[in-house]
Amino acid sequence: MDRRRIVACVLVAAGLGWALSLAAQTPPTIVVRPDAVRIGAFYAGAEVEVSGLMPAGAQVVVVVRGPDAEARFNTKGRFGPIWANAGEARISGVPSLFLAFSPRPVAQLLARAEVDRGQLDGRAIEAQMRVEPPARDRREVRANYLKLKAGQGMLRTEEGSVRVQERGDQTSYAVSFRWPKKAPPARYTVTAFAVRDAAIVGEASAELPVTTVGVPARLADLARQRATLYGLLCVLAATLAGLGIDFIASRIGGRVSAH
């Protein structure tokens, strides 16, 4: 056998071994429970669990992301000794909800370029944020907006929250968390990233729909389809509530004065 045939055989054997090793690896999987969050009249939040399998030796980062949403708010500016409204800023390119869970800080698991590519932390989200008009695009505007989202529970990172366990040729993972009450109805994406050698080597995603049911759903439909009637009902409900409070206060006041 000449040298060329030997080299060809070696290459074929190496390629076959590589293909077999890939086939033996566990493909990334993800399971989200419950399969949907339903907001009813007595909704008090929901417990969500994400679990699945990854290739052996992988660490796991789980990210929950909502659709991008535009926000508008007034910015403050200093005019001499006086602070006043400096104009409206429009912010876009930011997910309506961002939750990240990892066994260790993401910066310890991934190279910065990988974190930015996957948009896996607040710094990466801030970098993709768009602020208009350009005159309002300042670092403090971006930072304050992210602080606002964090204060609402809509932007959160939890380190040490993902439970990872090696099981022979595969790694199991799981994380549980409370669904934010302020997260509006939408279709959210839950993604589990397999991390090895400071790089993302695989991922699996699932959708988590959040919907309103019962009375909240009917009220939402009424607000969309018959806005005038919905407004009148809100005014009527507020008036009745005010009259009820006045009645209760007068009764209590009368009893106190009688004593």
C-alpha atoms as a PDB file:
ATOM      1  CA  MET A   1       0.000   0.000   0.000  1.00  0.00           C
ATOM      2  CA  ASP A   2       1.490   3.327  -1.043  1.00  0.00           C
ATOM      3  CA  ARG A   3       1.702   6.417   1.115  1.00  0.00           C
ATOM      4  CA  ARG A   4      -1.349   8.091  -0.469  1.00  0.00           C
ATOM      5  CA  ARG A   5      -3.604   5.177   0.342  1.00  0.00           C
ATOM      6  CA  ILE A   6      -2.308   5.072   3.925  1.00  0.00           C
ATOM      7  CA  VAL A   7      -3.028   8.785   4.379  1.00  0.00           C
ATOM      8  CA  ALA A   8      -6.503   8.363   2.852  1.00  0.00           C
ATOM      9  CA  CYS A   9      -7.299   5.470   5.195  1.00  0.00           C
ATOM     10  CA  VAL A  10      -6.128   7.462   8.198  1.00  0.00           C
ATOM     11  CA  LEU A  11      -8.280  10.428   7.199  1.00  0.00           C
ATOM     12  CA  VAL A  12     -11.340   8.236   6.650  1.00  0.00           C
ATOM     13  CA  ALA A  13     -10.829   6.545  10.016  1.00  0.00           C
ATOM     14  CA  ALA A  14     -10.419   9.900  11.752  1.00  0.00           C
ATOM     15  CA  GLY A  15     -13.543  11.281  10.093  1.00  0.00           C
ATOM     16  CA  LEU A  16     -15.519   8.180  11.036  1.00  0.00           C
ATOM     17  CA  GLY A  17     -14.366   8.460  14.640  1.00  0.00           C
ATOM     18  CA  TRP A  18     -15.298  12.112  14.744  1.00  0.00           C
ATOM     19  CA  ALA A  19     -18.754  11.389  13.318  1.00  0.00           C
ATOM     20  CA  LEU A  20     -19.312   8.573  15.816  1.00  0.00           C
ATOM     21  CA  SER A  21     -18.280  10.792  18.708  1.00  0.00           C
ATOM     22  CA  LEU A  22     -20.762  13.455  17.587  1.00  0.00           C
ATOM     23  CA  ALA A  23     -23.496  10.854  17.247  1.00  0.00           C
ATOM     24  CA  ALA A  24     -22.757   9.593  20.762  1.00  0.00           C
ATOM     25  CA  GLN A  25     -23.153  13.055  22.268  1.00  0.00           C
ATOM     26  CA  THR A  26     -26.491  13.904  23.809  1.00  0.00           C
ATOM     27  CA  PRO A  27     -28.284  16.544  21.714  1.00  0.00           C
ATOM     28  CA  PRO A  28     -29.461  19.548  23.751  1.00  0.00           C
ATOM     29  CA  THR A  29     -33.045  19.196  25.007  1.00  0.00           C
ATOM     30  CA  ILE A  30     -35.368  21.475  26.969  1.00  0.00           C
ATOM     31  CA  VAL A  31     -38.665  20.990  28.789  1.00  0.00           C
ATOM     32  CA  VAL A  32     -40.653  23.896  30.259  1.00  0.00           C
ATOM     33  CA  ARG A  33     -43.353  23.318  32.872  1.00  0.00           C
ATOM     34  CA  PRO A  34     -46.050  24.510  32.813  1.00  0.00           C
ATOM     35  CA  ASP A  35     -46.439  24.673  29.052  1.00  0.00           C
ATOM     36  CA  ALA A  36     -48.301  27.998  29.429  1.00  0.00           C
ATOM     37  CA  VAL A  37     -48.917  30.642  32.099  1.00  0.00           C
ATOM     38  CA  ARG A  38     -52.599  31.569  32.331  1.00  0.00           C
ATOM     39  CA  ILE A  39     -53.558  34.817  34.045  1.00  0.00           C
ATOM     40  CA  GLY A  40     -57.036  34.579  35.564  1.00  0.00           C
ATOM     41  CA  ALA A  41     -59.027  36.627  38.059  1.00  0.00           C
ATOM     42  CA  PHE A  42     -57.149  35.165  41.023  1.00  0.00           C
ATOM     43  CA  TYR A  43     -53.707  34.979  39.404  1.00  0.00           C
ATOM     44  CA  ALA A  44     -50.910  35.299  41.965  1.00  0.00           C
ATOM     45  CA  GLY A  45     -47.889  34.373  39.855  1.00  0.00           C
ATOM     46  CA  ALA A  46     -46.666  30.992  38.663  1.00  0.00           C
ATOM     47  CA  GLU A  47     -43.758  28.677  39.386  1.00  0.00           C
ATOM     48  CA  VAL A  48     -41.827  27.749  36.237  1.00  0.00           C
ATOM     49  CA  GLU A  49     -39.328  24.889  35.900  1.00  0.00           C
ATOM     50  CA  VAL A  50     -36.902  24.429  33.015  1.00  0.00           C
ATOM     51  CA  SER A  51     -34.990  21.160  32.654  1.00  0.00           C
ATOM     52  CA  GLY A  52     -33.315  18.989  30.048  1.00  0.00           C
ATOM     53  CA  LEU A  53     -30.138  17.268  28.903  1.00  0.00           C
ATOM     54  CA  MET A  54     -26.867  18.552  27.478  1.00  0.00           C
ATOM     55  CA  PRO A  55     -23.649  16.892  26.215  1.00  0.00           C
ATOM     56  CA  ALA A  56     -21.361  15.590  28.947  1.00  0.00           C
ATOM     57  CA  GLY A  57     -19.112  18.164  30.539  1.00  0.00           C
ATOM     58  CA  ALA A  58     -21.210  21.163  29.508  1.00  0.00           C
ATOM     59  CA  GLN A  59     -22.276  24.006  31.749  1.00  0.00           C
ATOM     60  CA  VAL A  60     -25.736  25.455  31.153  1.00  0.00           C
ATOM     61  CA  VAL A  61     -27.080  29.001  30.901  1.00  0.00           C
ATOM     62  CA  VAL A  62     -30.873  29.401  30.732  1.00  0.00           C
ATOM     63  CA  VAL A  63     -32.344  32.615  29.316  1.00  0.00           C
ATOM     64  CA  VAL A  64     -35.986  33.715  29.185  1.00  0.00           C
ATOM     65  CA  ARG A  65     -36.578  36.463  26.653  1.00  0.00           C
ATOM     66  CA  GLY A  66     -39.666  38.438  25.711  1.00  0.00           C
ATOM     67  CA  PRO A  67     -40.385  40.197  22.417  1.00  0.00           C
ATOM     68  CA  ASP A  68     -38.744  43.575  21.860  1.00  0.00           C
ATOM     69  CA  ALA A  69     -40.831  46.492  23.069  1.00  0.00           C
ATOM     70  CA  GLU A  70     -40.480  50.232  22.528  1.00  0.00           C
ATOM     71  CA  ALA A  71     -40.642  52.527  25.565  1.00  0.00           C
ATOM     72  CA  ARG A  72     -41.116  56.288  25.702  1.00  0.00           C
ATOM     73  CA  PHE A  73     -40.346  58.570  28.604  1.00  0.00           C
ATOM     74  CA  ASN A  74     -39.242  62.096  29.375  1.00  0.00           C
ATOM     75  CA  THR A  75     -35.604  62.800  30.159  1.00  0.00           C
ATOM     76  CA  LYS A  76     -34.357  65.437  32.570  1.00  0.00           C
ATOM     77  CA  GLY A  77     -31.817  68.115  31.758  1.00  0.00           C
ATOM     78  CA  ARG A  78     -30.173  70.886  33.711  1.00  0.00           C
ATOM     79  CA  PHE A  79     -30.748  74.443  32.554  1.00  0.00           C
ATOM     80  CA  GLY A  80     -28.548  76.566  34.802  1.00  0.00           C
ATOM     81  CA  PRO A  81     -29.551  75.808  38.401  1.00  0.00           C
ATOM     82  CA  ILE A  82     -32.913  74.288  37.332  1.00  0.00           C
ATOM     83  CA  TRP A  83     -33.692  70.670  36.352  1.00  0.00           C
ATOM     84  CA  ALA A  84     -36.513  70.377  33.812  1.00  0.00           C
ATOM     85  CA  ASN A  85     -37.832  68.077  31.100  1.00  0.00           C
ATOM     86  CA  ALA A  86     -35.315  67.917  28.246  1.00  0.00           C
ATOM     87  CA  GLY A  87     -37.563  66.054  25.812  1.00  0.00           C
ATOM     88  CA  GLU A  88     -38.866  62.594  25.050  1.00  0.00           C
ATOM     89  CA  ALA A  89     -36.612  59.581  24.511  1.00  0.00           C
ATOM     90  CA  ARG A  90     -37.688  56.446  22.646  1.00  0.00           C
ATOM     91  CA  ILE A  91     -35.921  53.208  23.542  1.00  0.00           C
ATOM     92  CA  SER A  92     -36.137  50.065  21.437  1.00  0.00           C
ATOM     93  CA  GLY A  93     -34.144  46.916  20.770  1.00  0.00           C
ATOM     94  CA  VAL A  94     -34.571  45.730  24.348  1.00  0.00           C
ATOM     95  CA  PRO A  95     -36.549  42.590  25.240  1.00  0.00           C
ATOM     96  CA  SER A  96     -39.690  43.224  27.258  1.00  0.00           C
ATOM     97  CA  LEU A  97     -38.443  40.544  29.671  1.00  0.00           C
ATOM     98  CA  PHE A  98     -34.936  39.187  30.224  1.00  0.00           C
ATOM     99  CA  LEU A  99     -34.161  36.541  32.847  1.00  0.00           C
ATOM    100  CA  ALA A 100     -30.797  34.741  32.904  1.00  0.00           C
ATOM    101  CA  PHE A 101     -29.901  31.781  35.116  1.00  0.00           C
ATOM    102  CA  SER A 102     -26.478  30.168  35.366  1.00  0.00           C
ATOM    103  CA  PRO A 103     -24.461  27.939  37.729  1.00  0.00           C
ATOM    104  CA  ARG A 104     -21.727  30.601  37.920  1.00  0.00           C
ATOM    105  CA  PRO A 105     -21.340  34.180  36.654  1.00  0.00           C
ATOM    106  CA  VAL A 106     -21.716  34.183  32.878  1.00  0.00           C
ATOM    107  CA  ALA A 107     -18.457  36.122  32.542  1.00  0.00           C
ATOM    108  CA  GLN A 108     -16.656  33.152  34.120  1.00  0.00           C
ATOM    109  CA  LEU A 109     -18.249  30.663  31.737  1.00  0.00           C
ATOM    110  CA  LEU A 110     -17.991  32.455  28.394  1.00  0.00           C
ATOM    111  CA  ALA A 111     -15.680  34.773  26.498  1.00  0.00           C
ATOM    112  CA  ARG A 112     -17.005  38.323  26.207  1.00  0.00           C
ATOM    113  CA  ALA A 113     -17.606  37.918  22.474  1.00  0.00           C
ATOM    114  CA  GLU A 114     -19.818  34.886  23.130  1.00  0.00           C
ATOM    115  CA  VAL A 115     -21.803  36.727  25.809  1.00  0.00           C
ATOM    116  CA  ASP A 116     -22.421  39.595  23.400  1.00  0.00           C
ATOM    117  CA  ARG A 117     -23.324  37.262  20.542  1.00  0.00           C
ATOM    118  CA  GLY A 118     -25.909  35.468  22.664  1.00  0.00           C
ATOM    119  CA  GLN A 119     -27.003  38.687  24.427  1.00  0.00           C
ATOM    120  CA  LEU A 120     -26.670  36.945  27.754  1.00  0.00           C
ATOM    121  CA  ASP A 121     -26.250  39.800  30.236  1.00  0.00           C
ATOM    122  CA  GLY A 122     -27.206  43.407  30.910  1.00  0.00           C
ATOM    123  CA  ARG A 123     -24.075  44.764  29.257  1.00  0.00           C
ATOM    124  CA  ALA A 124     -24.896  42.983  26.005  1.00  0.00           C
ATOM    125  CA  ILE A 125     -28.489  44.236  26.141  1.00  0.00           C
ATOM    126  CA  GLU A 126     -27.324  47.800  26.745  1.00  0.00           C
ATOM    127  CA  ALA A 127     -25.017  47.553  23.716  1.00  0.00           C
ATOM    128  CA  GLN A 128     -27.911  46.611  21.407  1.00  0.00           C
ATOM    129  CA  MET A 129     -30.267  49.254  22.821  1.00  0.00           C
ATOM    130  CA  ARG A 130     -31.403  51.984  20.425  1.00  0.00           C
ATOM    131  CA  VAL A 131     -32.165  55.459  21.779  1.00  0.00           C
ATOM    132  CA  GLU A 132     -33.881  58.082  19.632  1.00  0.00           C
ATOM    133  CA  PRO A 133     -33.461  60.886  18.907  1.00  0.00           C
ATOM    134  CA  PRO A 134     -29.648  60.588  18.884  1.00  0.00           C
ATOM    135  CA  ALA A 135     -29.361  63.732  21.018  1.00  0.00           C
ATOM    136  CA  ARG A 136     -30.952  61.787  23.930  1.00  0.00           C
ATOM    137  CA  ASP A 137     -28.576  58.829  23.542  1.00  0.00           C
ATOM    138  CA  ARG A 138     -26.457  59.137  26.655  1.00  0.00           C
ATOM    139  CA  ARG A 139     -24.911  56.510  28.900  1.00  0.00           C
ATOM    140  CA  GLU A 140     -26.998  57.557  31.900  1.00  0.00           C
ATOM    141  CA  VAL A 141     -30.217  57.200  29.878  1.00  0.00           C
ATOM    142  CA  ARG A 142     -29.318  53.626  28.963  1.00  0.00           C
ATOM    143  CA  ALA A 143     -28.196  52.748  32.503  1.00  0.00           C
ATOM    144  CA  ASN A 144     -31.271  54.286  34.128  1.00  0.00           C
ATOM    145  CA  TYR A 145     -33.598  52.427  31.777  1.00  0.00           C
ATOM    146  CA  LEU A 146     -31.983  49.110  32.666  1.00  0.00           C
ATOM    147  CA  LYS A 147     -32.261  49.999  36.370  1.00  0.00           C
ATOM    148  CA  LEU A 148     -35.959  50.683  35.846  1.00  0.00           C
ATOM    149  CA  LYS A 149     -36.439  47.286  34.190  1.00  0.00           C
ATOM    150  CA  ALA A 150     -34.503  45.578  36.985  1.00  0.00           C
ATOM    151  CA  GLY A 151     -36.621  47.309  39.622  1.00  0.00           C
ATOM    152  CA  GLN A 152     -39.748  45.986  37.916  1.00  0.00           C
ATOM    153  CA  GLY A 153     -38.346  42.443  37.992  1.00  0.00           C
ATOM    154  CA  MET A 154     -38.267  42.395  34.188  1.00  0.00           C
ATOM    155  CA  LEU A 155     -34.486  42.231  33.897  1.00  0.00           C
ATOM    156  CA  ARG A 156     -32.816  39.781  36.256  1.00  0.00           C
ATOM    157  CA  THR A 157     -29.772  37.529  36.432  1.00  0.00           C
ATOM    158  CA  GLU A 158     -29.418  34.767  39.004  1.00  0.00           C
ATOM    159  CA  GLU A 159     -26.036  33.117  39.480  1.00  0.00           C
ATOM    160  CA  GLY A 160     -25.795  29.720  41.119  1.00  0.00           C
ATOM    161  CA  SER A 161     -29.422  28.974  40.251  1.00  0.00           C
ATOM    162  CA  VAL A 162     -28.966  26.230  37.613  1.00  0.00           C
ATOM    163  CA  ARG A 163     -28.524  22.727  39.018  1.00  0.00           C
ATOM    164  CA  VAL A 164     -26.170  20.659  36.840  1.00  0.00           C
ATOM    165  CA  GLN A 165     -25.447  16.946  37.314  1.00  0.00           C
ATOM    166  CA  GLU A 166     -23.193  14.652  35.289  1.00  0.00           C
ATOM    167  CA  ARG A 167     -24.784  11.347  34.268  1.00  0.00           C
ATOM    168  CA  GLY A 168     -22.253   9.343  32.302  1.00  0.00           C
ATOM    169  CA  ASP A 169     -22.270  10.580  28.706  1.00  0.00           C
ATOM    170  CA  GLN A 170     -24.766  13.382  29.379  1.00  0.00           C
ATOM    171  CA  THR A 171     -25.418  16.310  31.696  1.00  0.00           C
ATOM    172  CA  SER A 172     -28.815  17.048  33.212  1.00  0.00           C
ATOM    173  CA  TYR A 173     -29.827  20.549  34.263  1.00  0.00           C
ATOM    174  CA  ALA A 174     -32.766  22.180  36.000  1.00  0.00           C
ATOM    175  CA  VAL A 175     -33.782  25.606  37.264  1.00  0.00           C
ATOM    176  CA  SER A 176     -36.962  26.821  38.966  1.00  0.00           C
ATOM    177  CA  PHE A 177     -38.119  30.416  39.291  1.00  0.00           C
ATOM    178  CA  ARG A 178     -41.170  32.544  39.994  1.00  0.00           C
ATOM    179  CA  TRP A 179     -42.714  34.092  36.913  1.00  0.00           C
ATOM    180  CA  PRO A 180     -42.742  37.922  37.170  1.00  0.00           C
ATOM    181  CA  LYS A 181     -46.237  39.222  37.859  1.00  0.00           C
ATOM    182  CA  LYS A 182     -45.646  42.292  35.677  1.00  0.00           C
ATOM    183  CA  ALA A 183     -44.780  40.265  32.573  1.00  0.00           C
ATOM    184  CA  PRO A 184     -47.578  41.044  30.086  1.00  0.00           C
ATOM    185  CA  PRO A 185     -49.340  38.435  27.934  1.00  0.00           C
ATOM    186  CA  ALA A 186     -47.021  37.458  25.066  1.00  0.00           C
ATOM    187  CA  ARG A 187     -45.067  34.532  23.663  1.00  0.00           C
ATOM    188  CA  TYR A 188     -41.759  34.218  25.491  1.00  0.00           C
ATOM    189  CA  THR A 189     -38.731  32.203  24.392  1.00  0.00           C
ATOM    190  CA  VAL A 190     -36.856  29.984  26.842  1.00  0.00           C
ATOM    191  CA  THR A 191     -33.382  28.933  25.660  1.00  0.00           C
ATOM    192  CA  ALA A 192     -30.834  26.657  27.295  1.00  0.00           C
ATOM    193  CA  PHE A 193     -27.241  27.179  26.101  1.00  0.00           C
ATOM    194  CA  ALA A 194     -24.616  24.446  26.391  1.00  0.00           C
ATOM    195  CA  VAL A 195     -21.290  26.032  27.353  1.00  0.00           C
ATOM    196  CA  ARG A 196     -17.849  24.438  27.097  1.00  0.00           C
ATOM    197  CA  ASP A 197     -14.333  25.900  26.824  1.00  0.00           C
ATOM    198  CA  ALA A 198     -15.664  29.501  27.042  1.00  0.00           C
ATOM    199  CA  ALA A 199     -17.904  29.010  23.994  1.00  0.00           C
ATOM    200  CA  ILE A 200     -21.533  28.159  23.235  1.00  0.00           C
ATOM    201  CA  VAL A 201     -21.516  24.653  21.747  1.00  0.00           C
ATOM    202  CA  GLY A 202     -25.250  23.984  21.494  1.00  0.00           C
ATOM    203  CA  GLU A 203     -28.681  25.242  22.438  1.00  0.00           C
ATOM    204  CA  ALA A 204     -32.315  24.208  22.733  1.00  0.00           C
ATOM    205  CA  SER A 205     -35.358  26.504  22.819  1.00  0.00           C
ATOM    206  CA  ALA A 206     -39.040  26.308  23.697  1.00  0.00           C
ATOM    207  CA  GLU A 207     -41.867  28.822  23.707  1.00  0.00           C
ATOM    208  CA  LEU A 208     -43.781  29.785  26.843  1.00  0.00           C
ATOM    209  CA  PRO A 209     -47.061  31.554  26.024  1.00  0.00           C
ATOM    210  CA  VAL A 210     -48.568  33.819  28.676  1.00  0.00           C
ATOM    211  CA  THR A 211     -52.290  34.426  28.168  1.00  0.00           C
ATOM    212  CA  THR A 212     -55.231  35.916  30.014  1.00  0.00           C
ATOM    213  CA  VAL A 213     -58.288  33.760  30.716  1.00  0.00           C
ATOM    214  CA  GLY A 214     -61.716  34.348  32.241  1.00  0.00           C
ATOM    215  CA  VAL A 215     -62.662  37.867  33.349  1.00  0.00           C
ATOM    216  CA  PRO A 216     -59.242  39.475  32.600  1.00  0.00           C
ATOM    217  CA  ALA A 217     -59.385  38.106  29.049  1.00  0.00           C
ATOM    218  CA  ARG A 218     -62.907  39.456  28.493  1.00  0.00           C
ATOM    219  CA  LEU A 219     -61.920  42.868  29.854  1.00  0.00           C
ATOM    220  CA  ALA A 220     -58.852  42.954  27.596  1.00  0.00           C
ATOM    221  CA  ASP A 221     -60.994  42.096  24.561  1.00  0.00           C
ATOM    222  CA  LEU A 222     -63.488  44.787  25.533  1.00  0.00           C
ATOM    223  CA  ALA A 223     -60.702  47.384  25.874  1.00  0.00           C
ATOM    224  CA  ARG A 224     -59.405  46.523  22.377  1.00  0.00           C
ATOM    225  CA  GLN A 225     -62.686  46.158  20.527  1.00  0.00           C
ATOM    226  CA  ARG A 226     -64.978  48.632  22.318  1.00  0.00           C
ATOM    227  CA  ALA A 227     -62.717  51.199  23.934  1.00  0.00           C
ATOM    228  CA  THR A 228     -65.494  53.753  24.573  1.00  0.00           C
ATOM    229  CA  LEU A 229     -67.707  51.273  26.409  1.00  0.00           C
ATOM    230  CA  TYR A 230     -64.710  50.022  28.379  1.00  0.00           C
ATOM    231  CA  GLY A 231     -63.888  53.599  29.439  1.00  0.00           C
ATOM    232  CA  LEU A 232     -67.484  54.217  30.566  1.00  0.00           C
ATOM    233  CA  LEU A 233     -67.484  51.012  32.594  1.00  0.00           C
ATOM    234  CA  CYS A 234     -64.203  52.019  34.260  1.00  0.00           C
ATOM    235  CA  VAL A 235     -65.662  55.416  35.192  1.00  0.00           C
ATOM    236  CA  LEU A 236     -68.832  53.750  36.517  1.00  0.00           C
ATOM    237  CA  ALA A 237     -66.819  51.249  38.569  1.00  0.00           C
ATOM    238  CA  ALA A 238     -64.664  54.027  40.032  1.00  0.00           C
ATOM    239  CA  THR A 239     -67.786  56.082  40.885  1.00  0.00           C
ATOM    240  CA  LEU A 240     -69.482  53.165  42.611  1.00  0.00           C
ATOM    241  CA  ALA A 241     -66.308  52.373  44.515  1.00  0.00           C
ATOM    242  CA  GLY A 242     -66.075  56.007  45.666  1.00  0.00           C
ATOM    243  CA  LEU A 243     -69.702  56.047  46.781  1.00  0.00           C
ATOM    244  CA  GLY A 244     -69.198  52.794  48.641  1.00  0.00           C
ATOM    245  CA  ILE A 245     -66.156  54.142  50.465  1.00  0.00           C
ATOM    246  CA  ASP A 246     -68.064  57.344  51.361  1.00  0.00           C
ATOM    247  CA  PHE A 247     -70.968  55.290  52.691  1.00  0.00           C
ATOM    248  CA  ILE A 248     -68.711  53.100  54.830  1.00  0.00           C
ATOM    249  CA  ALA A 249     -66.821  56.130  56.125  1.00  0.00           C
ATOM    250  CA  SER A 250     -70.037  57.916  57.065  1.00  0.00           C
ATOM    251  CA  ARG A 251     -71.346  54.864  58.894  1.00  0.00           C
ATOM    252  CA  ILE A 252     -68.127  54.424  60.819  1.00  0.00           C
ATOM    253  CA  GLY A 253     -67.974  58.143  61.551  1.00  0.00           C
ATOM    254  CA  GLY A 254     -71.560  58.113  62.823  1.00  0.00           C
ATOM    255  CA  ARG A 255     -70.839  55.247  65.167  1.00  0.00           C
ATOM    256  CA  VAL A 256     -67.743  56.930  66.533  1.00  0.00           C
ATOM    257  CA  SER A 257     -69.595  60.215  67.179  1.00  0.00           C
ATOM    258  CA  ALA A 258     -72.486  58.315  68.858  1.00  0.00           C
ATOM    259  CA  HIS A 259     -70.069  56.885  71.380  1.00  0.00           C
END
